[in-house]
Amino acid sequence: GKIVKIIPYIAGCGDYRNRPTALSWWLEEYRKGRFKETLEHHEPY
């Protein structure tokens, strides 16, 4: 099977104001095992 995705490119949309997300941040989220958003997730945007 396949996961097929379209995602925004940081330099192609309003995300240019931010910085690319670090793999270490994604790994920490994975370690915590959480799926519910918090205030921390909204802050960078």
PDB file of all heavy atoms in Angstrom:
ATOM      1  N   GLY A   1       0.813  -1.204   0.000  1.00  0.00           N
ATOM      2  CA  GLY A   1       0.000   0.000   0.000  1.00  0.00           C
ATOM      3  C   GLY A   1       0.854   1.264   0.000  1.00  0.00           C
ATOM      4  O   GLY A   1       2.072   1.227   0.194  1.00  0.00           O
ATOM      5  N   LYS A   2       0.187   2.408  -0.185  1.00  0.00           N
ATOM      6  CA  LYS A   2       0.910   3.675  -0.336  1.00  0.00           C
ATOM      7  C   LYS A   2       0.287   4.760   0.531  1.00  0.00           C
ATOM      8  O   LYS A   2      -0.936   4.847   0.666  1.00  0.00           O
ATOM      9  CB  LYS A   2       0.862   4.164  -1.788  1.00  0.00           C
ATOM     10  CG  LYS A   2       1.426   3.212  -2.815  1.00  0.00           C
ATOM     11  CD  LYS A   2       1.171   3.740  -4.222  1.00  0.00           C
ATOM     12  CE  LYS A   2       1.661   2.782  -5.284  1.00  0.00           C
ATOM     13  NZ  LYS A   2       1.329   3.275  -6.651  1.00  0.00           N
ATOM     14  N   ILE A   3       1.140   5.590   1.100  1.00  0.00           N
ATOM     15  CA  ILE A   3       0.733   6.875   1.646  1.00  0.00           C
ATOM     16  C   ILE A   3       1.061   7.921   0.587  1.00  0.00           C
ATOM     17  O   ILE A   3       2.208   8.053   0.171  1.00  0.00           O
ATOM     18  CB  ILE A   3       1.454   7.169   2.970  1.00  0.00           C
ATOM     19  CG1 ILE A   3       0.956   6.214   4.057  1.00  0.00           C
ATOM     20  CG2 ILE A   3       1.254   8.610   3.390  1.00  0.00           C
ATOM     21  CD1 ILE A   3       1.686   6.339   5.362  1.00  0.00           C
ATOM     22  N   VAL A   4       0.061   8.648   0.127  1.00  0.00           N
ATOM     23  CA  VAL A   4       0.200   9.626  -0.957  1.00  0.00           C
ATOM     24  C   VAL A   4      -0.180  10.988  -0.396  1.00  0.00           C
ATOM     25  O   VAL A   4      -1.313  11.182   0.064  1.00  0.00           O
ATOM     26  CB  VAL A   4      -0.697   9.254  -2.153  1.00  0.00           C
ATOM     27  CG1 VAL A   4      -0.500  10.239  -3.295  1.00  0.00           C
ATOM     28  CG2 VAL A   4      -0.434   7.826  -2.611  1.00  0.00           C
ATOM     29  N   LYS A   5       0.767  11.931  -0.438  1.00  0.00           N
ATOM     30  CA  LYS A   5       0.539  13.195   0.248  1.00  0.00           C
ATOM     31  C   LYS A   5       0.927  14.399  -0.600  1.00  0.00           C
ATOM     32  O   LYS A   5       1.871  14.348  -1.398  1.00  0.00           O
ATOM     33  CB  LYS A   5       1.358  13.255   1.552  1.00  0.00           C
ATOM     34  CG  LYS A   5       1.035  12.155   2.558  1.00  0.00           C
ATOM     35  CD  LYS A   5      -0.352  12.333   3.144  1.00  0.00           C
ATOM     36  CE  LYS A   5      -0.652  11.250   4.167  1.00  0.00           C
ATOM     37  NZ  LYS A   5      -2.054  11.314   4.646  1.00  0.00           N
ATOM     38  N   ILE A   6       0.210  15.501  -0.347  1.00  0.00           N
ATOM     39  CA  ILE A   6       0.580  16.833  -0.812  1.00  0.00           C
ATOM     40  C   ILE A   6       0.716  17.698   0.427  1.00  0.00           C
ATOM     41  O   ILE A   6      -0.195  17.742   1.262  1.00  0.00           O
ATOM     42  CB  ILE A   6      -0.477  17.429  -1.761  1.00  0.00           C
ATOM     43  CG1 ILE A   6      -0.646  16.562  -3.002  1.00  0.00           C
ATOM     44  CG2 ILE A   6      -0.108  18.851  -2.156  1.00  0.00           C
ATOM     45  CD1 ILE A   6      -1.773  17.013  -3.928  1.00  0.00           C
ATOM     46  N   ILE A   7       1.858  18.376   0.574  1.00  0.00           N
ATOM     47  CA  ILE A   7       2.095  19.224   1.737  1.00  0.00           C
ATOM     48  C   ILE A   7       2.636  20.572   1.264  1.00  0.00           C
ATOM     49  O   ILE A   7       3.210  20.675   0.179  1.00  0.00           O
ATOM     50  CB  ILE A   7       3.086  18.570   2.724  1.00  0.00           C
ATOM     51  CG1 ILE A   7       4.428  18.278   2.033  1.00  0.00           C
ATOM     52  CG2 ILE A   7       2.491  17.315   3.336  1.00  0.00           C
ATOM     53  CD1 ILE A   7       5.498  17.732   2.975  1.00  0.00           C
ATOM     54  N   PRO A   8       2.477  21.622   2.048  1.00  0.00           N
ATOM     55  CA  PRO A   8       3.008  22.929   1.636  1.00  0.00           C
ATOM     56  C   PRO A   8       4.526  22.979   1.760  1.00  0.00           C
ATOM     57  O   PRO A   8       5.106  22.412   2.693  1.00  0.00           O
ATOM     58  CB  PRO A   8       2.346  23.910   2.611  1.00  0.00           C
ATOM     59  CG  PRO A   8       2.015  23.087   3.805  1.00  0.00           C
ATOM     60  CD  PRO A   8       1.705  21.709   3.290  1.00  0.00           C
ATOM     61  N   TYR A   9       5.151  23.636   0.805  1.00  0.00           N
ATOM     62  CA  TYR A   9       6.596  23.866   0.826  1.00  0.00           C
ATOM     63  C   TYR A   9       6.853  25.184   1.529  1.00  0.00           C
ATOM     64  O   TYR A   9       6.229  26.202   1.219  1.00  0.00           O
ATOM     65  CB  TYR A   9       7.133  23.886  -0.601  1.00  0.00           C
ATOM     66  CG  TYR A   9       8.594  24.222  -0.728  1.00  0.00           C
ATOM     67  CD1 TYR A   9       9.551  23.569   0.042  1.00  0.00           C
ATOM     68  CD2 TYR A   9       9.033  25.189  -1.625  1.00  0.00           C
ATOM     69  CE1 TYR A   9      10.903  23.878  -0.075  1.00  0.00           C
ATOM     70  CE2 TYR A   9      10.374  25.497  -1.758  1.00  0.00           C
ATOM     71  CZ  TYR A   9      11.298  24.840  -0.979  1.00  0.00           C
ATOM     72  OH  TYR A   9      12.634  25.141  -1.084  1.00  0.00           O
ATOM     73  N   ILE A  10       7.771  25.196   2.478  1.00  0.00           N
ATOM     74  CA  ILE A  10       7.970  26.355   3.344  1.00  0.00           C
ATOM     75  C   ILE A  10       8.273  27.632   2.564  1.00  0.00           C
ATOM     76  O   ILE A  10       7.823  28.717   2.951  1.00  0.00           O
ATOM     77  CB  ILE A  10       9.086  26.062   4.375  1.00  0.00           C
ATOM     78  CG1 ILE A  10       9.191  27.191   5.408  1.00  0.00           C
ATOM     79  CG2 ILE A  10      10.413  25.814   3.702  1.00  0.00           C
ATOM     80  CD1 ILE A  10      10.116  26.869   6.552  1.00  0.00           C
ATOM     81  N   ALA A  11       8.992  27.537   1.466  1.00  0.00           N
ATOM     82  CA  ALA A  11       9.332  28.725   0.674  1.00  0.00           C
ATOM     83  C   ALA A  11       8.289  29.035  -0.383  1.00  0.00           C
ATOM     84  O   ALA A  11       8.447  29.990  -1.137  1.00  0.00           O
ATOM     85  CB  ALA A  11      10.696  28.545   0.008  1.00  0.00           C
ATOM     86  N   GLY A  12       7.220  28.236  -0.436  1.00  0.00           N
ATOM     87  CA  GLY A  12       6.209  28.442  -1.469  1.00  0.00           C
ATOM     88  C   GLY A  12       4.899  28.986  -0.952  1.00  0.00           C
ATOM     89  O   GLY A  12       3.963  29.191  -1.708  1.00  0.00           O
ATOM     90  N   CYS A  13       4.825  29.219   0.366  1.00  0.00           N
ATOM     91  CA  CYS A  13       3.576  29.688   0.963  1.00  0.00           C
ATOM     92  C   CYS A  13       3.904  30.607   2.135  1.00  0.00           C
ATOM     93  O   CYS A  13       5.050  31.010   2.324  1.00  0.00           O
ATOM     94  CB  CYS A  13       2.727  28.495   1.417  1.00  0.00           C
ATOM     95  SG  CYS A  13       3.479  27.523   2.731  1.00  0.00           S
ATOM     96  N   GLY A  14       2.916  30.922   2.960  1.00  0.00           N
ATOM     97  CA  GLY A  14       3.127  31.813   4.088  1.00  0.00           C
ATOM     98  C   GLY A  14       4.034  31.257   5.159  1.00  0.00           C
ATOM     99  O   GLY A  14       4.448  31.995   6.068  1.00  0.00           O
ATOM    100  N   ASP A  15       4.396  29.990   5.071  1.00  0.00           N
ATOM    101  CA  ASP A  15       5.305  29.383   6.046  1.00  0.00           C
ATOM    102  C   ASP A  15       6.714  29.958   5.969  1.00  0.00           C
ATOM    103  O   ASP A  15       7.548  29.674   6.837  1.00  0.00           O
ATOM    104  CB  ASP A  15       5.373  27.869   5.849  1.00  0.00           C
ATOM    105  CG  ASP A  15       4.105  27.160   6.322  1.00  0.00           C
ATOM    106  OD1 ASP A  15       3.276  27.818   6.979  1.00  0.00           O
ATOM    107  OD2 ASP A  15       3.948  25.962   6.033  1.00  0.00           O
ATOM    108  N   TYR A  16       7.019  30.746   4.945  1.00  0.00           N
ATOM    109  CA  TYR A  16       8.372  31.306   4.801  1.00  0.00           C
ATOM    110  C   TYR A  16       8.788  32.113   6.024  1.00  0.00           C
ATOM    111  O   TYR A  16       9.979  32.355   6.234  1.00  0.00           O
ATOM    112  CB  TYR A  16       8.454  32.179   3.542  1.00  0.00           C
ATOM    113  CG  TYR A  16       7.768  33.528   3.648  1.00  0.00           C
ATOM    114  CD1 TYR A  16       8.446  34.631   4.161  1.00  0.00           C
ATOM    115  CD2 TYR A  16       6.449  33.701   3.241  1.00  0.00           C
ATOM    116  CE1 TYR A  16       7.830  35.862   4.274  1.00  0.00           C
ATOM    117  CE2 TYR A  16       5.826  34.927   3.346  1.00  0.00           C
ATOM    118  CZ  TYR A  16       6.513  36.009   3.862  1.00  0.00           C
ATOM    119  OH  TYR A  16       5.891  37.225   3.975  1.00  0.00           O
ATOM    120  N   ARG A  17       7.838  32.515   6.847  1.00  0.00           N
ATOM    121  CA  ARG A  17       8.155  33.263   8.067  1.00  0.00           C
ATOM    122  C   ARG A  17       8.774  32.370   9.150  1.00  0.00           C
ATOM    123  O   ARG A  17       9.367  32.869  10.107  1.00  0.00           O
ATOM    124  CB  ARG A  17       6.896  33.918   8.626  1.00  0.00           C
ATOM    125  CG  ARG A  17       6.240  34.937   7.692  1.00  0.00           C
ATOM    126  CD  ARG A  17       4.931  35.418   8.309  1.00  0.00           C
ATOM    127  NE  ARG A  17       4.281  36.445   7.514  1.00  0.00           N
ATOM    128  CZ  ARG A  17       3.450  36.208   6.495  1.00  0.00           C
ATOM    129  NH1 ARG A  17       3.203  34.951   6.145  1.00  0.00           N
ATOM    130  NH2 ARG A  17       2.880  37.190   5.838  1.00  0.00           N
ATOM    131  N   ASN A  18       8.582  31.065   9.015  1.00  0.00           N
ATOM    132  CA  ASN A  18       9.091  30.112   9.995  1.00  0.00           C
ATOM    133  C   ASN A  18      10.378  29.466   9.511  1.00  0.00           C
ATOM    134  O   ASN A  18      10.921  29.838   8.476  1.00  0.00           O
ATOM    135  CB  ASN A  18       8.028  29.056  10.283  1.00  0.00           C
ATOM    136  CG  ASN A  18       6.817  29.619  11.016  1.00  0.00           C
ATOM    137  OD1 ASN A  18       5.854  30.069  10.383  1.00  0.00           O
ATOM    138  ND2 ASN A  18       6.865  29.596  12.328  1.00  0.00           N
ATOM    139  N   ARG A  19      10.843  28.487  10.238  1.00  0.00           N
ATOM    140  CA  ARG A  19      12.031  27.719   9.873  1.00  0.00           C
ATOM    141  C   ARG A  19      11.628  26.251   9.699  1.00  0.00           C
ATOM    142  O   ARG A  19      10.676  25.798  10.343  1.00  0.00           O
ATOM    143  CB  ARG A  19      13.119  27.833  10.948  1.00  0.00           C
ATOM    144  CG  ARG A  19      13.587  29.259  11.194  1.00  0.00           C
ATOM    145  CD  ARG A  19      14.339  29.811   9.986  1.00  0.00           C
ATOM    146  NE  ARG A  19      14.789  31.185  10.206  1.00  0.00           N
ATOM    147  CZ  ARG A  19      14.110  32.264   9.806  1.00  0.00           C
ATOM    148  NH1 ARG A  19      12.951  32.130   9.164  1.00  0.00           N
ATOM    149  NH2 ARG A  19      14.576  33.470  10.031  1.00  0.00           N
ATOM    150  N   PRO A  20      12.333  25.501   8.877  1.00  0.00           N
ATOM    151  CA  PRO A  20      11.991  24.083   8.715  1.00  0.00           C
ATOM    152  C   PRO A  20      12.040  23.343  10.050  1.00  0.00           C
ATOM    153  O   PRO A  20      12.930  23.556  10.868  1.00  0.00           O
ATOM    154  CB  PRO A  20      13.075  23.574   7.752  1.00  0.00           C
ATOM    155  CG  PRO A  20      13.539  24.796   7.013  1.00  0.00           C
ATOM    156  CD  PRO A  20      13.443  25.921   7.995  1.00  0.00           C
ATOM    157  N   THR A  21      11.080  22.479  10.264  1.00  0.00           N
ATOM    158  CA  THR A  21      11.006  21.715  11.505  1.00  0.00           C
ATOM    159  C   THR A  21      12.152  20.712  11.577  1.00  0.00           C
ATOM    160  O   THR A  21      12.468  20.043  10.595  1.00  0.00           O
ATOM    161  CB  THR A  21       9.666  20.969  11.595  1.00  0.00           C
ATOM    162  OG1 THR A  21       8.599  21.916  11.449  1.00  0.00           O
ATOM    163  CG2 THR A  21       9.524  20.252  12.925  1.00  0.00           C
ATOM    164  N   ALA A  22      12.755  20.604  12.746  1.00  0.00           N
ATOM    165  CA  ALA A  22      13.875  19.678  12.936  1.00  0.00           C
ATOM    166  C   ALA A  22      13.365  18.261  13.173  1.00  0.00           C
ATOM    167  O   ALA A  22      12.342  18.053  13.838  1.00  0.00           O
ATOM    168  CB  ALA A  22      14.729  20.119  14.121  1.00  0.00           C
ATOM    169  N   LEU A  23      14.081  17.284  12.640  1.00  0.00           N
ATOM    170  CA  LEU A  23      13.734  15.885  12.879  1.00  0.00           C
ATOM    171  C   LEU A  23      13.727  15.589  14.374  1.00  0.00           C
ATOM    172  O   LEU A  23      12.896  14.803  14.851  1.00  0.00           O
ATOM    173  CB  LEU A  23      14.725  14.967  12.161  1.00  0.00           C
ATOM    174  CG  LEU A  23      14.522  13.464  12.381  1.00  0.00           C
ATOM    175  CD1 LEU A  23      13.169  12.998  11.861  1.00  0.00           C
ATOM    176  CD2 LEU A  23      15.645  12.671  11.713  1.00  0.00           C
ATOM    177  N   SER A  24      14.617  16.210  15.140  1.00  0.00           N
ATOM    178  CA  SER A  24      14.666  15.973  16.584  1.00  0.00           C
ATOM    179  C   SER A  24      13.355  16.356  17.254  1.00  0.00           C
ATOM    180  O   SER A  24      12.925  15.710  18.225  1.00  0.00           O
ATOM    181  CB  SER A  24      15.835  16.751  17.205  1.00  0.00           C
ATOM    182  OG  SER A  24      15.694  18.150  16.967  1.00  0.00           O
ATOM    183  N   TRP A  25      12.691  17.416  16.737  1.00  0.00           N
ATOM    184  CA  TRP A  25      11.396  17.819  17.306  1.00  0.00           C
ATOM    185  C   TRP A  25      10.342  16.767  17.016  1.00  0.00           C
ATOM    186  O   TRP A  25       9.548  16.402  17.897  1.00  0.00           O
ATOM    187  CB  TRP A  25      10.986  19.175  16.746  1.00  0.00           C
ATOM    188  CG  TRP A  25       9.809  19.793  17.460  1.00  0.00           C
ATOM    189  CD1 TRP A  25       9.838  20.569  18.569  1.00  0.00           C
ATOM    190  CD2 TRP A  25       8.432  19.673  17.082  1.00  0.00           C
ATOM    191  NE1 TRP A  25       8.562  20.942  18.928  1.00  0.00           N
ATOM    192  CE2 TRP A  25       7.674  20.414  18.042  1.00  0.00           C
ATOM    193  CE3 TRP A  25       7.759  19.011  16.066  1.00  0.00           C
ATOM    194  CZ2 TRP A  25       6.283  20.508  17.980  1.00  0.00           C
ATOM    195  CZ3 TRP A  25       6.369  19.103  16.019  1.00  0.00           C
ATOM    196  CH2 TRP A  25       5.653  19.841  16.959  1.00  0.00           C
ATOM    197  N   TRP A  26      10.323  16.259  15.774  1.00  0.00           N
ATOM    198  CA  TRP A  26       9.371  15.196  15.434  1.00  0.00           C
ATOM    199  C   TRP A  26       9.619  13.947  16.267  1.00  0.00           C
ATOM    200  O   TRP A  26       8.671  13.295  16.716  1.00  0.00           O
ATOM    201  CB  TRP A  26       9.476  14.863  13.946  1.00  0.00           C
ATOM    202  CG  TRP A  26       8.876  15.895  13.044  1.00  0.00           C
ATOM    203  CD1 TRP A  26       7.762  16.654  13.266  1.00  0.00           C
ATOM    204  CD2 TRP A  26       9.364  16.279  11.755  1.00  0.00           C
ATOM    205  NE1 TRP A  26       7.518  17.480  12.196  1.00  0.00           N
ATOM    206  CE2 TRP A  26       8.475  17.275  11.248  1.00  0.00           C
ATOM    207  CE3 TRP A  26      10.437  15.888  10.963  1.00  0.00           C
ATOM    208  CZ2 TRP A  26       8.658  17.866  10.009  1.00  0.00           C
ATOM    209  CZ3 TRP A  26      10.604  16.471   9.725  1.00  0.00           C
ATOM    210  CH2 TRP A  26       9.732  17.455   9.250  1.00  0.00           C
ATOM    211  N   LEU A  27      10.882  13.606  16.498  1.00  0.00           N
ATOM    212  CA  LEU A  27      11.207  12.423  17.292  1.00  0.00           C
ATOM    213  C   LEU A  27      10.765  12.596  18.740  1.00  0.00           C
ATOM    214  O   LEU A  27      10.317  11.632  19.376  1.00  0.00           O
ATOM    215  CB  LEU A  27      12.713  12.134  17.216  1.00  0.00           C
ATOM    216  CG  LEU A  27      13.218  11.608  15.872  1.00  0.00           C
ATOM    217  CD1 LEU A  27      14.744  11.581  15.857  1.00  0.00           C
ATOM    218  CD2 LEU A  27      12.658  10.213  15.594  1.00  0.00           C
ATOM    219  N   GLU A  28      10.886  13.813  19.271  1.00  0.00           N
ATOM    220  CA  GLU A  28      10.438  14.056  20.641  1.00  0.00           C
ATOM    221  C   GLU A  28       8.922  13.933  20.751  1.00  0.00           C
ATOM    222  O   GLU A  28       8.400  13.371  21.721  1.00  0.00           O
ATOM    223  CB  GLU A  28      10.902  15.445  21.102  1.00  0.00           C
ATOM    224  CG  GLU A  28      10.477  15.823  22.515  1.00  0.00           C
ATOM    225  CD  GLU A  28      11.069  14.918  23.587  1.00  0.00           C
ATOM    226  OE1 GLU A  28      12.020  14.166  23.293  1.00  0.00           O
ATOM    227  OE2 GLU A  28      10.565  14.969  24.727  1.00  0.00           O
ATOM    228  N   GLU A  29       8.201  14.433  19.747  1.00  0.00           N
ATOM    229  CA  GLU A  29       6.753  14.260  19.732  1.00  0.00           C
ATOM    230  C   GLU A  29       6.380  12.780  19.672  1.00  0.00           C
ATOM    231  O   GLU A  29       5.436  12.333  20.340  1.00  0.00           O
ATOM    232  CB  GLU A  29       6.163  14.991  18.519  1.00  0.00           C
ATOM    233  CG  GLU A  29       6.194  16.495  18.625  1.00  0.00           C
ATOM    234  CD  GLU A  29       5.268  17.004  19.708  1.00  0.00           C
ATOM    235  OE1 GLU A  29       4.038  16.813  19.598  1.00  0.00           O
ATOM    236  OE2 GLU A  29       5.781  17.569  20.691  1.00  0.00           O
ATOM    237  N   TYR A  30       7.113  12.032  18.895  1.00  0.00           N
ATOM    238  CA  TYR A  30       6.873  10.593  18.777  1.00  0.00           C
ATOM    239  C   TYR A  30       7.150   9.899  20.105  1.00  0.00           C
ATOM    240  O   TYR A  30       6.398   9.004  20.525  1.00  0.00           O
ATOM    241  CB  TYR A  30       7.761  10.032  17.661  1.00  0.00           C
ATOM    242  CG  TYR A  30       7.634   8.554  17.415  1.00  0.00           C
ATOM    243  CD1 TYR A  30       6.406   7.964  17.188  1.00  0.00           C
ATOM    244  CD2 TYR A  30       8.774   7.741  17.384  1.00  0.00           C
ATOM    245  CE1 TYR A  30       6.294   6.600  16.944  1.00  0.00           C
ATOM    246  CE2 TYR A  30       8.680   6.386  17.138  1.00  0.00           C
ATOM    247  CZ  TYR A  30       7.438   5.813  16.919  1.00  0.00           C
ATOM    248  OH  TYR A  30       7.343   4.468  16.680  1.00  0.00           O
ATOM    249  N   ARG A  31       8.219  10.305  20.778  1.00  0.00           N
ATOM    250  CA  ARG A  31       8.561   9.706  22.069  1.00  0.00           C
ATOM    251  C   ARG A  31       7.456   9.967  23.088  1.00  0.00           C
ATOM    252  O   ARG A  31       7.110   9.076  23.877  1.00  0.00           O
ATOM    253  CB  ARG A  31       9.883  10.275  22.579  1.00  0.00           C
ATOM    254  CG  ARG A  31      10.383   9.646  23.883  1.00  0.00           C
ATOM    255  CD  ARG A  31      11.539  10.426  24.473  1.00  0.00           C
ATOM    256  NE  ARG A  31      11.130  11.756  24.922  1.00  0.00           N
ATOM    257  CZ  ARG A  31      10.480  11.976  26.072  1.00  0.00           C
ATOM    258  NH1 ARG A  31      10.148  10.981  26.873  1.00  0.00           N
ATOM    259  NH2 ARG A  31      10.159  13.217  26.412  1.00  0.00           N
ATOM    260  N   LYS A  32       6.889  11.156  23.061  1.00  0.00           N
ATOM    261  CA  LYS A  32       5.810  11.489  23.988  1.00  0.00           C
ATOM    262  C   LYS A  32       4.519  10.754  23.649  1.00  0.00           C
ATOM    263  O   LYS A  32       3.645  10.592  24.518  1.00  0.00           O
ATOM    264  CB  LYS A  32       5.565  12.996  23.980  1.00  0.00           C
ATOM    265  CG  LYS A  32       6.711  13.814  24.551  1.00  0.00           C
ATOM    266  CD  LYS A  32       6.457  15.307  24.408  1.00  0.00           C
ATOM    267  CE  LYS A  32       7.608  16.124  24.964  1.00  0.00           C
ATOM    268  NZ  LYS A  32       7.414  17.584  24.752  1.00  0.00           N
ATOM    269  N   GLY A  33       4.382  10.354  22.403  1.00  0.00           N
ATOM    270  CA  GLY A  33       3.230   9.568  21.992  1.00  0.00           C
ATOM    271  C   GLY A  33       1.911  10.312  22.011  1.00  0.00           C
ATOM    272  O   GLY A  33       0.842   9.708  22.102  1.00  0.00           O
ATOM    273  N   ARG A  34       1.951  11.619  21.883  1.00  0.00           N
ATOM    274  CA  ARG A  34       0.718  12.395  21.952  1.00  0.00           C
ATOM    275  C   ARG A  34       0.216  12.755  20.557  1.00  0.00           C
ATOM    276  O   ARG A  34       0.992  12.950  19.629  1.00  0.00           O
ATOM    277  CB  ARG A  34       0.920  13.648  22.787  1.00  0.00           C
ATOM    278  CG  ARG A  34       1.985  14.610  22.267  1.00  0.00           C
ATOM    279  CD  ARG A  34       2.186  15.761  23.239  1.00  0.00           C
ATOM    280  NE  ARG A  34       3.207  16.692  22.774  1.00  0.00           N
ATOM    281  CZ  ARG A  34       3.594  17.756  23.470  1.00  0.00           C
ATOM    282  NH1 ARG A  34       3.052  18.011  24.646  1.00  0.00           N
ATOM    283  NH2 ARG A  34       4.524  18.568  22.984  1.00  0.00           N
ATOM    284  N   PHE A  35      -1.104  12.858  20.434  1.00  0.00           N
ATOM    285  CA  PHE A  35      -1.727  13.226  19.171  1.00  0.00           C
ATOM    286  C   PHE A  35      -2.612  14.468  19.318  1.00  0.00           C
ATOM    287  O   PHE A  35      -3.103  14.998  18.325  1.00  0.00           O
ATOM    288  CB  PHE A  35      -2.584  12.077  18.635  1.00  0.00           C
ATOM    289  CG  PHE A  35      -1.781  10.890  18.183  1.00  0.00           C
ATOM    290  CD1 PHE A  35      -1.503   9.848  19.058  1.00  0.00           C
ATOM    291  CD2 PHE A  35      -1.294  10.812  16.889  1.00  0.00           C
ATOM    292  CE1 PHE A  35      -0.761   8.750  18.640  1.00  0.00           C
ATOM    293  CE2 PHE A  35      -0.552   9.720  16.458  1.00  0.00           C
ATOM    294  CZ  PHE A  35      -0.278   8.690  17.349  1.00  0.00           C
ATOM    295  N   LYS A  36      -2.819  14.910  20.544  1.00  0.00           N
ATOM    296  CA  LYS A  36      -3.671  16.064  20.785  1.00  0.00           C
ATOM    297  C   LYS A  36      -2.837  17.333  20.825  1.00  0.00           C
ATOM    298  O   LYS A  36      -1.818  17.395  21.517  1.00  0.00           O
ATOM    299  CB  LYS A  36      -4.437  15.885  22.097  1.00  0.00           C
ATOM    300  CG  LYS A  36      -5.505  16.946  22.325  1.00  0.00           C
ATOM    301  CD  LYS A  36      -6.323  16.642  23.576  1.00  0.00           C
ATOM    302  CE  LYS A  36      -7.406  17.681  23.797  1.00  0.00           C
ATOM    303  NZ  LYS A  36      -8.214  17.389  25.005  1.00  0.00           N
ATOM    304  N   GLU A  37      -3.281  18.353  20.115  1.00  0.00           N
ATOM    305  CA  GLU A  37      -2.531  19.599  20.039  1.00  0.00           C
ATOM    306  C   GLU A  37      -2.578  20.351  21.360  1.00  0.00           C
ATOM    307  O   GLU A  37      -3.547  20.267  22.119  1.00  0.00           O
ATOM    308  CB  GLU A  37      -3.077  20.469  18.912  1.00  0.00           C
ATOM    309  CG  GLU A  37      -4.525  20.898  19.095  1.00  0.00           C
ATOM    310  CD  GLU A  37      -5.142  21.399  17.814  1.00  0.00           C
ATOM    311  OE1 GLU A  37      -5.199  20.637  16.834  1.00  0.00           O
ATOM    312  OE2 GLU A  37      -5.575  22.573  17.811  1.00  0.00           O
ATOM    313  N   THR A  38      -1.513  21.103  21.598  1.00  0.00           N
ATOM    314  CA  THR A  38      -1.406  21.938  22.790  1.00  0.00           C
ATOM    315  C   THR A  38      -1.050  23.350  22.361  1.00  0.00           C
ATOM    316  O   THR A  38      -0.773  23.623  21.180  1.00  0.00           O
ATOM    317  CB  THR A  38      -0.319  21.404  23.745  1.00  0.00           C
ATOM    318  OG1 THR A  38       0.969  21.565  23.111  1.00  0.00           O
ATOM    319  CG2 THR A  38      -0.546  19.933  24.079  1.00  0.00           C
ATOM    320  N   LEU A  39      -0.997  24.254  23.317  1.00  0.00           N
ATOM    321  CA  LEU A  39      -0.605  25.628  23.019  1.00  0.00           C
ATOM    322  C   LEU A  39       0.794  25.676  22.424  1.00  0.00           C
ATOM    323  O   LEU A  39       1.080  26.495  21.542  1.00  0.00           O
ATOM    324  CB  LEU A  39      -0.668  26.464  24.301  1.00  0.00           C
ATOM    325  CG  LEU A  39      -0.443  27.968  24.140  1.00  0.00           C
ATOM    326  CD1 LEU A  39      -1.556  28.593  23.311  1.00  0.00           C
ATOM    327  CD2 LEU A  39      -0.359  28.636  25.514  1.00  0.00           C
ATOM    328  N   GLU A  40       1.656  24.795  22.885  1.00  0.00           N
ATOM    329  CA  GLU A  40       3.027  24.719  22.378  1.00  0.00           C
ATOM    330  C   GLU A  40       3.058  24.496  20.866  1.00  0.00           C
ATOM    331  O   GLU A  40       3.920  25.038  20.166  1.00  0.00           O
ATOM    332  CB  GLU A  40       3.758  23.582  23.086  1.00  0.00           C
ATOM    333  CG  GLU A  40       5.138  23.277  22.542  1.00  0.00           C
ATOM    334  CD  GLU A  40       5.696  21.966  23.066  1.00  0.00           C
ATOM    335  OE1 GLU A  40       4.999  21.303  23.872  1.00  0.00           O
ATOM    336  OE2 GLU A  40       6.817  21.608  22.673  1.00  0.00           O
ATOM    337  N   HIS A  41       2.113  23.730  20.357  1.00  0.00           N
ATOM    338  CA  HIS A  41       2.089  23.444  18.920  1.00  0.00           C
ATOM    339  C   HIS A  41       1.653  24.665  18.113  1.00  0.00           C
ATOM    340  O   HIS A  41       2.081  24.844  16.965  1.00  0.00           O
ATOM    341  CB  HIS A  41       1.157  22.264  18.638  1.00  0.00           C
ATOM    342  CG  HIS A  41       1.603  20.981  19.260  1.00  0.00           C
ATOM    343  ND1 HIS A  41       0.988  20.428  20.354  1.00  0.00           N
ATOM    344  CD2 HIS A  41       2.636  20.159  18.962  1.00  0.00           C
ATOM    345  CE1 HIS A  41       1.598  19.301  20.690  1.00  0.00           C
ATOM    346  NE2 HIS A  41       2.605  19.119  19.862  1.00  0.00           N
ATOM    347  N   HIS A  42       0.797  25.501  18.674  1.00  0.00           N
ATOM    348  CA  HIS A  42       0.311  26.683  17.954  1.00  0.00           C
ATOM    349  C   HIS A  42       1.311  27.836  17.971  1.00  0.00           C
ATOM    350  O   HIS A  42       1.252  28.711  17.105  1.00  0.00           O
ATOM    351  CB  HIS A  42      -1.010  27.159  18.562  1.00  0.00           C
ATOM    352  CG  HIS A  42      -2.185  26.306  18.253  1.00  0.00           C
ATOM    353  ND1 HIS A  42      -2.906  26.412  17.076  1.00  0.00           N
ATOM    354  CD2 HIS A  42      -2.773  25.301  18.962  1.00  0.00           C
ATOM    355  CE1 HIS A  42      -3.898  25.532  17.076  1.00  0.00           C
ATOM    356  NE2 HIS A  42      -3.843  24.850  18.209  1.00  0.00           N
ATOM    357  N   GLU A  43       2.192  27.864  18.949  1.00  0.00           N
ATOM    358  CA  GLU A  43       3.060  29.015  19.151  1.00  0.00           C
ATOM    359  C   GLU A  43       3.923  29.386  17.937  1.00  0.00           C
ATOM    360  O   GLU A  43       3.978  30.556  17.554  1.00  0.00           O
ATOM    361  CB  GLU A  43       3.942  28.800  20.378  1.00  0.00           C
ATOM    362  CG  GLU A  43       3.227  29.034  21.701  1.00  0.00           C
ATOM    363  CD  GLU A  43       2.935  30.495  21.972  1.00  0.00           C
ATOM    364  OE1 GLU A  43       3.305  31.356  21.150  1.00  0.00           O
ATOM    365  OE2 GLU A  43       2.311  30.786  23.005  1.00  0.00           O
ATOM    366  N   PRO A  44       4.661  28.440  17.301  1.00  0.00           N
ATOM    367  CA  PRO A  44       5.533  28.850  16.182  1.00  0.00           C
ATOM    368  C   PRO A  44       4.774  29.505  15.030  1.00  0.00           C
ATOM    369  O   PRO A  44       5.214  30.507  14.477  1.00  0.00           O
ATOM    370  CB  PRO A  44       6.183  27.524  15.750  1.00  0.00           C
ATOM    371  CG  PRO A  44       6.116  26.656  16.959  1.00  0.00           C
ATOM    372  CD  PRO A  44       4.828  27.016  17.632  1.00  0.00           C
ATOM    373  N   TYR A  45       3.617  28.931  14.694  1.00  0.00           N
ATOM    374  CA  TYR A  45       2.806  29.475  13.604  1.00  0.00           C
ATOM    375  C   TYR A  45       2.272  30.855  13.979  1.00  0.00           C
ATOM    376  O   TYR A  45       2.333  31.807  13.194  1.00  0.00           O
ATOM    377  CB  TYR A  45       1.655  28.512  13.321  1.00  0.00           C
ATOM    378  CG  TYR A  45       0.731  28.919  12.195  1.00  0.00           C
ATOM    379  CD1 TYR A  45       1.021  28.539  10.886  1.00  0.00           C
ATOM    380  CD2 TYR A  45      -0.431  29.647  12.427  1.00  0.00           C
ATOM    381  CE1 TYR A  45       0.169  28.884   9.839  1.00  0.00           C
ATOM    382  CE2 TYR A  45      -1.277  29.996  11.399  1.00  0.00           C
ATOM    383  CZ  TYR A  45      -0.975  29.616  10.109  1.00  0.00           C
ATOM    384  OH  TYR A  45      -1.816  29.967   9.075  1.00  0.00           O
TER     385      TYR A  45
END
